[in-house]
Amino acid sequence: MGLIRSCFTFLLGTSCGVYIAQNYDVPDMRKIIRMGLAIASMYEEIYRKPKKKPEDSD
């Protein structure tokens, strides 16, 4: 009985997702994720602590 219930839930979710994707303007998640990663790397470069210069041991 668990297999039928899980398959029904999966098929219901898939069909609802297809319906929403066809009838509504759903944003492209890959584009949003890439933009977020680019912004995060930009902030990392801006606010990164400077590397310590090696001191002379003389």
PDB file of N, CA and C in Angstrom:
ATOM      1  N   MET A   1       0.816  -1.186   0.000  1.00  0.00           N
ATOM      2  CA  MET A   1       0.000   0.000   0.000  1.00  0.00           C
ATOM      3  C   MET A   1       0.866   1.259   0.000  1.00  0.00           C
ATOM      4  N   GLY A   2       2.057   1.208   0.582  1.00  0.00           N
ATOM      5  CA  GLY A   2       2.933   2.368   0.645  1.00  0.00           C
ATOM      6  C   GLY A   2       3.452   2.773  -0.726  1.00  0.00           C
ATOM      7  N   LEU A   3       3.709   1.772  -1.583  1.00  0.00           N
ATOM      8  CA  LEU A   3       4.214   2.063  -2.922  1.00  0.00           C
ATOM      9  C   LEU A   3       3.160   2.793  -3.749  1.00  0.00           C
ATOM     10  N   ILE A   4       1.922   2.371  -3.650  1.00  0.00           N
ATOM     11  CA  ILE A   4       0.841   3.015  -4.401  1.00  0.00           C
ATOM     12  C   ILE A   4       0.630   4.436  -3.908  1.00  0.00           C
ATOM     13  N   ARG A   5       0.671   4.620  -2.606  1.00  0.00           N
ATOM     14  CA  ARG A   5       0.472   5.953  -2.040  1.00  0.00           C
ATOM     15  C   ARG A   5       1.601   6.891  -2.448  1.00  0.00           C
ATOM     16  N   SER A   6       2.842   6.413  -2.428  1.00  0.00           N
ATOM     17  CA  SER A   6       3.963   7.272  -2.806  1.00  0.00           C
ATOM     18  C   SER A   6       3.942   7.570  -4.300  1.00  0.00           C
ATOM     19  N   CYS A   7       3.567   6.612  -5.124  1.00  0.00           N
ATOM     20  CA  CYS A   7       3.461   6.865  -6.567  1.00  0.00           C
ATOM     21  C   CYS A   7       2.347   7.865  -6.859  1.00  0.00           C
ATOM     22  N   PHE A   8       1.226   7.745  -6.142  1.00  0.00           N
ATOM     23  CA  PHE A   8       0.126   8.689  -6.333  1.00  0.00           C
ATOM     24  C   PHE A   8       0.563  10.098  -5.967  1.00  0.00           C
ATOM     25  N   THR A   9       1.280  10.252  -4.865  1.00  0.00           N
ATOM     26  CA  THR A   9       1.767  11.566  -4.440  1.00  0.00           C
ATOM     27  C   THR A   9       2.745  12.136  -5.459  1.00  0.00           C
ATOM     28  N   PHE A  10       3.635  11.295  -5.964  1.00  0.00           N
ATOM     29  CA  PHE A  10       4.606  11.730  -6.966  1.00  0.00           C
ATOM     30  C   PHE A  10       3.904  12.170  -8.244  1.00  0.00           C
ATOM     31  N   LEU A  11       2.953  11.386  -8.735  1.00  0.00           N
ATOM     32  CA  LEU A  11       2.234  11.725  -9.961  1.00  0.00           C
ATOM     33  C   LEU A  11       1.383  12.976  -9.788  1.00  0.00           C
ATOM     34  N   LEU A  12       0.769  13.141  -8.636  1.00  0.00           N
ATOM     35  CA  LEU A  12      -0.023  14.329  -8.372  1.00  0.00           C
ATOM     36  C   LEU A  12       0.871  15.576  -8.341  1.00  0.00           C
ATOM     37  N   GLY A  13       2.002  15.493  -7.699  1.00  0.00           N
ATOM     38  CA  GLY A  13       2.940  16.613  -7.652  1.00  0.00           C
ATOM     39  C   GLY A  13       3.503  16.940  -9.020  1.00  0.00           C
ATOM     40  N   THR A  14       3.823  15.920  -9.800  1.00  0.00           N
ATOM     41  CA  THR A  14       4.343  16.132 -11.147  1.00  0.00           C
ATOM     42  C   THR A  14       3.307  16.799 -12.036  1.00  0.00           C
ATOM     43  N   SER A  15       2.085  16.320 -11.982  1.00  0.00           N
ATOM     44  CA  SER A  15       1.034  16.904 -12.827  1.00  0.00           C
ATOM     45  C   SER A  15       0.736  18.345 -12.413  1.00  0.00           C
ATOM     46  N   CYS A  16       0.736  18.638 -11.123  1.00  0.00           N
ATOM     47  CA  CYS A  16       0.537  20.022 -10.672  1.00  0.00           C
ATOM     48  C   CYS A  16       1.699  20.908 -11.113  1.00  0.00           C
ATOM     49  N   GLY A  17       2.911  20.398 -11.050  1.00  0.00           N
ATOM     50  CA  GLY A  17       4.074  21.165 -11.499  1.00  0.00           C
ATOM     51  C   GLY A  17       4.040  21.457 -12.985  1.00  0.00           C
ATOM     52  N   VAL A  18       3.617  20.489 -13.779  1.00  0.00           N
ATOM     53  CA  VAL A  18       3.506  20.701 -15.221  1.00  0.00           C
ATOM     54  C   VAL A  18       2.433  21.736 -15.522  1.00  0.00           C
ATOM     55  N   TYR A  19       1.312  21.637 -14.855  1.00  0.00           N
ATOM     56  CA  TYR A  19       0.224  22.604 -15.053  1.00  0.00           C
ATOM     57  C   TYR A  19       0.673  24.019 -14.712  1.00  0.00           C
ATOM     58  N   ILE A  20       1.349  24.179 -13.586  1.00  0.00           N
ATOM     59  CA  ILE A  20       1.810  25.507 -13.162  1.00  0.00           C
ATOM     60  C   ILE A  20       2.853  26.053 -14.138  1.00  0.00           C
ATOM     61  N   ALA A  21       3.780  25.187 -14.588  1.00  0.00           N
ATOM     62  CA  ALA A  21       4.827  25.630 -15.505  1.00  0.00           C
ATOM     63  C   ALA A  21       4.254  26.058 -16.848  1.00  0.00           C
ATOM     64  N   GLN A  22       3.179  25.422 -17.287  1.00  0.00           N
ATOM     65  CA  GLN A  22       2.596  25.769 -18.581  1.00  0.00           C
ATOM     66  C   GLN A  22       1.702  26.998 -18.509  1.00  0.00           C
ATOM     67  N   ASN A  23       1.060  27.241 -17.403  1.00  0.00           N
ATOM     68  CA  ASN A  23       0.054  28.292 -17.336  1.00  0.00           C
ATOM     69  C   ASN A  23       0.494  29.550 -16.601  1.00  0.00           C
ATOM     70  N   TYR A  24       1.605  29.528 -15.921  1.00  0.00           N
ATOM     71  CA  TYR A  24       2.068  30.689 -15.163  1.00  0.00           C
ATOM     72  C   TYR A  24       3.500  31.007 -15.546  1.00  0.00           C
ATOM     73  N   ASP A  25       3.903  32.252 -15.297  1.00  0.00           N
ATOM     74  CA  ASP A  25       5.260  32.688 -15.617  1.00  0.00           C
ATOM     75  C   ASP A  25       6.181  32.320 -14.457  1.00  0.00           C
ATOM     76  N   VAL A  26       6.779  31.158 -14.544  1.00  0.00           N
ATOM     77  CA  VAL A  26       7.659  30.646 -13.492  1.00  0.00           C
ATOM     78  C   VAL A  26       9.091  31.053 -13.837  1.00  0.00           C
ATOM     79  N   PRO A  27       9.836  31.676 -12.898  1.00  0.00           N
ATOM     80  CA  PRO A  27      11.204  32.102 -13.203  1.00  0.00           C
ATOM     81  C   PRO A  27      12.142  30.905 -13.374  1.00  0.00           C
ATOM     82  N   ASP A  28      13.196  31.123 -14.156  1.00  0.00           N
ATOM     83  CA  ASP A  28      14.202  30.096 -14.387  1.00  0.00           C
ATOM     84  C   ASP A  28      15.116  30.016 -13.169  1.00  0.00           C
ATOM     85  N   MET A  29      15.060  28.924 -12.445  1.00  0.00           N
ATOM     86  CA  MET A  29      15.814  28.799 -11.194  1.00  0.00           C
ATOM     87  C   MET A  29      17.319  28.742 -11.431  1.00  0.00           C
ATOM     88  N   ARG A  30      17.757  28.177 -12.534  1.00  0.00           N
ATOM     89  CA  ARG A  30      19.197  28.116 -12.805  1.00  0.00           C
ATOM     90  C   ARG A  30      19.778  29.519 -12.930  1.00  0.00           C
ATOM     91  N   LYS A  31      19.032  30.396 -13.594  1.00  0.00           N
ATOM     92  CA  LYS A  31      19.495  31.781 -13.769  1.00  0.00           C
ATOM     93  C   LYS A  31      19.567  32.488 -12.424  1.00  0.00           C
ATOM     94  N   ILE A  32      18.577  32.275 -11.576  1.00  0.00           N
ATOM     95  CA  ILE A  32      18.563  32.914 -10.255  1.00  0.00           C
ATOM     96  C   ILE A  32      19.713  32.399  -9.393  1.00  0.00           C
ATOM     97  N   ILE A  33      19.970  31.097  -9.437  1.00  0.00           N
ATOM     98  CA  ILE A  33      21.045  30.509  -8.639  1.00  0.00           C
ATOM     99  C   ILE A  33      22.412  31.012  -9.112  1.00  0.00           C
ATOM    100  N   ARG A  34      22.609  31.079 -10.442  1.00  0.00           N
ATOM    101  CA  ARG A  34      23.882  31.596 -10.965  1.00  0.00           C
ATOM    102  C   ARG A  34      24.108  33.046 -10.563  1.00  0.00           C
ATOM    103  N   MET A  35      23.040  33.853 -10.613  1.00  0.00           N
ATOM    104  CA  MET A  35      23.156  35.245 -10.222  1.00  0.00           C
ATOM    105  C   MET A  35      23.503  35.359  -8.735  1.00  0.00           C
ATOM    106  N   GLY A  36      22.882  34.538  -7.896  1.00  0.00           N
ATOM    107  CA  GLY A  36      23.181  34.551  -6.467  1.00  0.00           C
ATOM    108  C   GLY A  36      24.610  34.143  -6.177  1.00  0.00           C
ATOM    109  N   LEU A  37      25.111  33.133  -6.879  1.00  0.00           N
ATOM    110  CA  LEU A  37      26.501  32.711  -6.692  1.00  0.00           C
ATOM    111  C   LEU A  37      27.483  33.792  -7.150  1.00  0.00           C
ATOM    112  N   ALA A  38      27.147  34.477  -8.233  1.00  0.00           N
ATOM    113  CA  ALA A  38      28.017  35.550  -8.715  1.00  0.00           C
ATOM    114  C   ALA A  38      28.064  36.693  -7.706  1.00  0.00           C
ATOM    115  N   ILE A  39      26.928  37.043  -7.143  1.00  0.00           N
ATOM    116  CA  ILE A  39      26.885  38.105  -6.135  1.00  0.00           C
ATOM    117  C   ILE A  39      27.643  37.684  -4.885  1.00  0.00           C
ATOM    118  N   ALA A  40      27.497  36.424  -4.470  1.00  0.00           N
ATOM    119  CA  ALA A  40      28.206  35.942  -3.288  1.00  0.00           C
ATOM    120  C   ALA A  40      29.720  35.964  -3.499  1.00  0.00           C
ATOM    121  N   SER A  41      30.175  35.561  -4.676  1.00  0.00           N
ATOM    122  CA  SER A  41      31.622  35.588  -4.928  1.00  0.00           C
ATOM    123  C   SER A  41      32.131  37.024  -4.998  1.00  0.00           C
ATOM    124  N   MET A  42      31.308  37.949  -5.509  1.00  0.00           N
ATOM    125  CA  MET A  42      31.699  39.346  -5.547  1.00  0.00           C
ATOM    126  C   MET A  42      31.859  39.898  -4.125  1.00  0.00           C
ATOM    127  N   TYR A  43      30.910  39.608  -3.249  1.00  0.00           N
ATOM    128  CA  TYR A  43      31.015  40.045  -1.856  1.00  0.00           C
ATOM    129  C   TYR A  43      32.219  39.418  -1.168  1.00  0.00           C
ATOM    130  N   GLU A  44      32.493  38.169  -1.486  1.00  0.00           N
ATOM    131  CA  GLU A  44      33.650  37.508  -0.876  1.00  0.00           C
ATOM    132  C   GLU A  44      34.940  38.217  -1.276  1.00  0.00           C
ATOM    133  N   GLU A  45      35.069  38.581  -2.546  1.00  0.00           N
ATOM    134  CA  GLU A  45      36.279  39.262  -3.002  1.00  0.00           C
ATOM    135  C   GLU A  45      36.407  40.652  -2.381  1.00  0.00           C
ATOM    136  N   ILE A  46      35.286  41.335  -2.209  1.00  0.00           N
ATOM    137  CA  ILE A  46      35.328  42.686  -1.658  1.00  0.00           C
ATOM    138  C   ILE A  46      35.700  42.666  -0.178  1.00  0.00           C
ATOM    139  N   TYR A  47      35.091  41.791   0.590  1.00  0.00           N
ATOM    140  CA  TYR A  47      35.228  41.818   2.047  1.00  0.00           C
ATOM    141  C   TYR A  47      36.225  40.793   2.599  1.00  0.00           C
ATOM    142  N   ARG A  48      36.997  40.163   1.745  1.00  0.00           N
ATOM    143  CA  ARG A  48      37.993  39.192   2.205  1.00  0.00           C
ATOM    144  C   ARG A  48      39.110  39.914   2.943  1.00  0.00           C
ATOM    145  N   LYS A  49      39.572  39.313   4.017  1.00  0.00           N
ATOM    146  CA  LYS A  49      40.694  39.895   4.757  1.00  0.00           C
ATOM    147  C   LYS A  49      41.954  39.798   3.904  1.00  0.00           C
ATOM    148  N   PRO A  50      42.779  40.826   3.942  1.00  0.00           N
ATOM    149  CA  PRO A  50      44.020  40.766   3.142  1.00  0.00           C
ATOM    150  C   PRO A  50      44.967  39.713   3.724  1.00  0.00           C
ATOM    151  N   LYS A  51      45.722  39.102   2.834  1.00  0.00           N
ATOM    152  CA  LYS A  51      46.688  38.097   3.262  1.00  0.00           C
ATOM    153  C   LYS A  51      47.844  38.786   3.970  1.00  0.00           C
ATOM    154  N   LYS A  52      48.350  38.125   5.014  1.00  0.00           N
ATOM    155  CA  LYS A  52      49.488  38.689   5.735  1.00  0.00           C
ATOM    156  C   LYS A  52      50.748  38.514   4.900  1.00  0.00           C
ATOM    157  N   LYS A  53      51.549  39.562   4.900  1.00  0.00           N
ATOM    158  CA  LYS A  53      52.810  39.499   4.174  1.00  0.00           C
ATOM    159  C   LYS A  53      53.802  38.700   5.003  1.00  0.00           C
ATOM    160  N   PRO A  54      54.593  37.848   4.360  1.00  0.00           N
ATOM    161  CA  PRO A  54      55.602  37.089   5.127  1.00  0.00           C
ATOM    162  C   PRO A  54      56.656  38.030   5.697  1.00  0.00           C
ATOM    163  N   GLU A  55      56.917  37.875   6.960  1.00  0.00           N
ATOM    164  CA  GLU A  55      57.900  38.740   7.613  1.00  0.00           C
ATOM    165  C   GLU A  55      59.311  38.203   7.401  1.00  0.00           C
ATOM    166  N   ASP A  56      60.238  39.127   7.344  1.00  0.00           N
ATOM    167  CA  ASP A  56      61.650  38.721   7.199  1.00  0.00           C
ATOM    168  C   ASP A  56      62.117  38.135   8.516  1.00  0.00           C
ATOM    169  N   SER A  57      62.764  37.016   8.480  1.00  0.00           N
ATOM    170  CA  SER A  57      63.246  36.373   9.696  1.00  0.00           C
ATOM    171  C   SER A  57      64.684  36.747  10.026  1.00  0.00           C
ATOM    172  N   ASP A  58      65.234  37.776   9.376  1.00  0.00           N
ATOM    173  CA  ASP A  58      66.622  38.200   9.646  1.00  0.00           C
ATOM    174  C   ASP A  58      66.707  38.957  10.924  1.00  0.00           C
TER     175      ASP A  58
END
